[in-house]
Protein backbone atom coordinates (compact mmCIF):
# COMPACT_ATOMS: atom_id res chain seq x y z
CA UNK A 1 37.11 0.56 -19.41
CA UNK A 2 36.28 -2.37 -17.76
CA UNK A 3 34.75 -0.81 -14.72
CA UNK A 4 32.35 1.64 -16.63
CA UNK A 5 31.28 -1.89 -18.69
CA UNK A 6 29.84 -3.52 -15.26
CA UNK A 7 28.15 0.22 -14.29
CA UNK A 8 26.66 0.22 -16.94
CA UNK A 9 23.95 -2.76 -16.78
CA UNK A 10 23.52 -1.59 -13.33
CA UNK A 11 22.68 1.91 -13.79
CA UNK A 12 20.16 0.53 -16.92
CA UNK A 13 18.50 -1.71 -14.25
CA UNK A 14 18.55 1.58 -11.83
CA UNK A 15 16.63 3.33 -14.73
CA UNK A 16 13.88 0.56 -15.51
CA UNK A 17 12.93 0.11 -11.82
CA UNK A 18 12.35 3.96 -11.20
CA UNK A 19 10.41 4.02 -14.39
CA UNK A 20 8.16 1.83 -13.25
CA UNK A 21 7.01 3.33 -10.26
CA UNK A 22 4.69 6.44 -10.38
CA UNK A 23 5.86 8.88 -7.84
CA UNK A 24 3.10 10.10 -4.99
CA UNK A 25 0.91 13.10 -6.30
CA UNK A 26 -1.98 14.15 -4.58
CA UNK A 27 -3.62 10.97 -6.34
CA UNK A 28 -2.99 9.72 -2.79
CA UNK A 29 -5.88 10.38 -1.08
CA UNK A 30 -7.11 10.86 2.59
CA UNK A 31 -9.41 8.16 2.14
CA UNK A 32 -6.37 5.34 1.56
CA UNK A 33 -4.58 6.83 4.33
CA UNK A 34 -7.03 7.32 7.04
CA UNK A 35 -8.18 3.90 5.86
CA UNK A 36 -4.68 2.04 6.49
CA UNK A 37 -3.81 3.90 9.67
CA UNK A 38 -7.07 3.17 11.03
CA UNK A 39 -6.85 -0.96 10.13
CA UNK A 40 -2.91 -0.49 11.15
CA UNK A 41 -2.84 1.93 13.94
CA UNK A 42 0.25 3.29 12.44
CA UNK A 43 0.94 6.56 10.77
CA UNK A 44 1.29 5.82 6.94
CA UNK A 45 3.54 7.39 4.36
CA UNK A 46 2.91 6.62 0.76
CA UNK A 47 5.16 6.42 -1.52
CA UNK A 48 3.64 4.81 -4.70
CA UNK A 49 -0.03 5.70 -6.03
CA UNK A 50 -0.62 2.98 -8.76
CA UNK A 51 -4.55 3.47 -9.85
CA UNK A 52 -6.84 6.33 -9.11
CA UNK A 53 -9.94 5.50 -7.01
CA UNK A 54 -13.00 5.78 -8.55
CA UNK A 55 -15.78 7.83 -6.73
CA UNK A 56 -17.45 4.50 -5.73
CA UNK A 57 -14.18 3.35 -4.01
CA UNK A 58 -13.69 6.83 -2.44
CA UNK A 59 -17.38 6.61 -1.15
CA UNK A 60 -16.89 3.01 -0.24
CA UNK A 61 -13.99 3.47 1.81
CA UNK A 62 -14.67 6.80 3.57
CA UNK A 63 -17.95 5.16 4.63
CA UNK A 64 -17.22 1.70 6.01
CA UNK A 65 -15.94 1.70 9.42
CA UNK A 66 -13.31 0.02 10.75
CA UNK A 67 -15.03 -2.62 12.22
CA UNK A 68 -16.00 -4.08 8.89
CA UNK A 69 -12.19 -4.74 8.28
CA UNK A 70 -11.08 -8.30 9.13
CA UNK A 71 -8.98 -8.51 12.19
CA UNK A 72 -5.53 -8.27 11.08
CA UNK A 73 -4.12 -11.97 9.91
CA UNK A 74 -0.92 -12.86 10.00
CA UNK A 75 1.55 -14.88 7.68
CA UNK A 76 5.22 -15.73 8.01
CA UNK A 77 6.42 -12.48 6.96
CA UNK A 78 3.58 -10.26 6.40
CA UNK A 79 -0.17 -9.26 8.39
CA UNK A 80 -2.93 -9.08 5.84
CA UNK A 81 -6.79 -7.79 6.42
CA UNK A 82 -9.59 -7.62 4.40
CA UNK A 83 -12.74 -5.82 3.71
CA UNK A 84 -15.72 -7.17 1.60
CA UNK A 85 -18.64 -5.01 0.31
CA UNK A 86 -20.66 -6.58 -2.27
CA UNK A 87 -18.88 -7.81 -5.15
CA UNK A 88 -15.80 -5.59 -4.47
CA UNK A 89 -13.14 -5.90 -2.22
CA UNK A 90 -9.97 -4.65 -0.62
CA UNK A 91 -6.89 -6.38 1.23
CA UNK A 92 -4.21 -4.46 3.07
CA UNK A 93 -1.19 -6.67 2.85
CA UNK A 94 1.81 -5.31 5.14
CA UNK A 95 4.84 -6.58 4.62
CA UNK A 96 8.30 -6.29 6.83
CA UNK A 97 11.58 -6.71 4.97
CA UNK A 98 13.90 -8.63 7.06
CA UNK A 99 16.72 -6.01 5.75
CA UNK A 100 15.28 -3.06 6.61
CA UNK A 101 12.65 -3.48 9.19
CA UNK A 102 10.25 -1.13 7.72
CA UNK A 103 6.48 -2.44 7.37
CA UNK A 104 5.30 -1.80 3.74
CA UNK A 105 1.83 -1.70 3.53
CA UNK A 106 -0.06 -2.06 0.24
CA UNK A 107 -3.67 -1.70 -0.36
CA UNK A 108 -4.91 -3.92 -2.99
CA UNK A 109 -8.32 -4.07 -4.89
CA UNK A 110 -10.84 -6.70 -6.10
CA UNK A 111 -13.75 -5.20 -8.06
CA UNK A 112 -15.38 -8.84 -8.61
CA UNK A 113 -14.39 -12.53 -6.74
CA UNK A 114 -12.88 -13.23 -10.12
CA UNK A 115 -10.84 -10.62 -10.98
CA UNK A 116 -6.94 -10.16 -10.61
CA UNK A 117 -6.18 -7.54 -7.37
CA UNK A 118 -4.87 -3.84 -8.74
CA UNK A 119 -2.60 -2.46 -6.35
CA UNK A 120 -3.79 1.13 -5.41
CA UNK A 121 -1.38 2.87 -3.03
CA UNK A 122 1.96 1.45 -1.63
CA UNK A 123 3.75 2.96 1.27
CA UNK A 124 5.69 2.82 4.59
CA UNK A 125 4.32 2.73 8.23
CA UNK A 126 5.90 4.41 11.15
CA UNK A 127 4.40 4.57 14.77
CA UNK A 128 2.40 7.37 15.53
CA UNK A 129 3.83 9.72 17.90
CA UNK A 130 1.96 10.16 20.81
CA UNK A 131 1.36 13.43 21.94
CA UNK A 132 2.25 14.45 25.72
CA UNK A 133 -0.28 15.86 27.99
C-alpha cells in the first residue's frame, strides 16, 4: 500500500508532462525542417509542434537563404542563431543536455521586437549520413 501511495504522484506528474506537449503531426512543415537542417548542418527529427506557421512565415522561411541567418553563437551549454526580417525575427536554439548528449533544437518566433517568443517546433539533431560515392 505504501508503494502504491509513493507511485501515484509519479504517475500523475508523468501524465501531466505528456499532456502539456503536443505530438508532431503534419503541422511541422518542411520549411521548418529544411531551415533547421541548413543552419545546423545536421538532420532534424521534429518531436513537438507548438504552433502552426502562417503563410507569411512559410514564405519568409522558405525564401530567406541560410546566409541571412547569423553565425552560430556559443554560450555555455547552448548554441543559437538569429534571423531578422523587418519586424519579425526567428531564433534557433540548440541545447545539448549533459545527461543524454543528444542536441535538442527549438525554433522560436518573435512577431515584434517587444513580443514574447513563441516556440514553433522542437526536435533532436543527428549527424547527417554521408552517401558513399
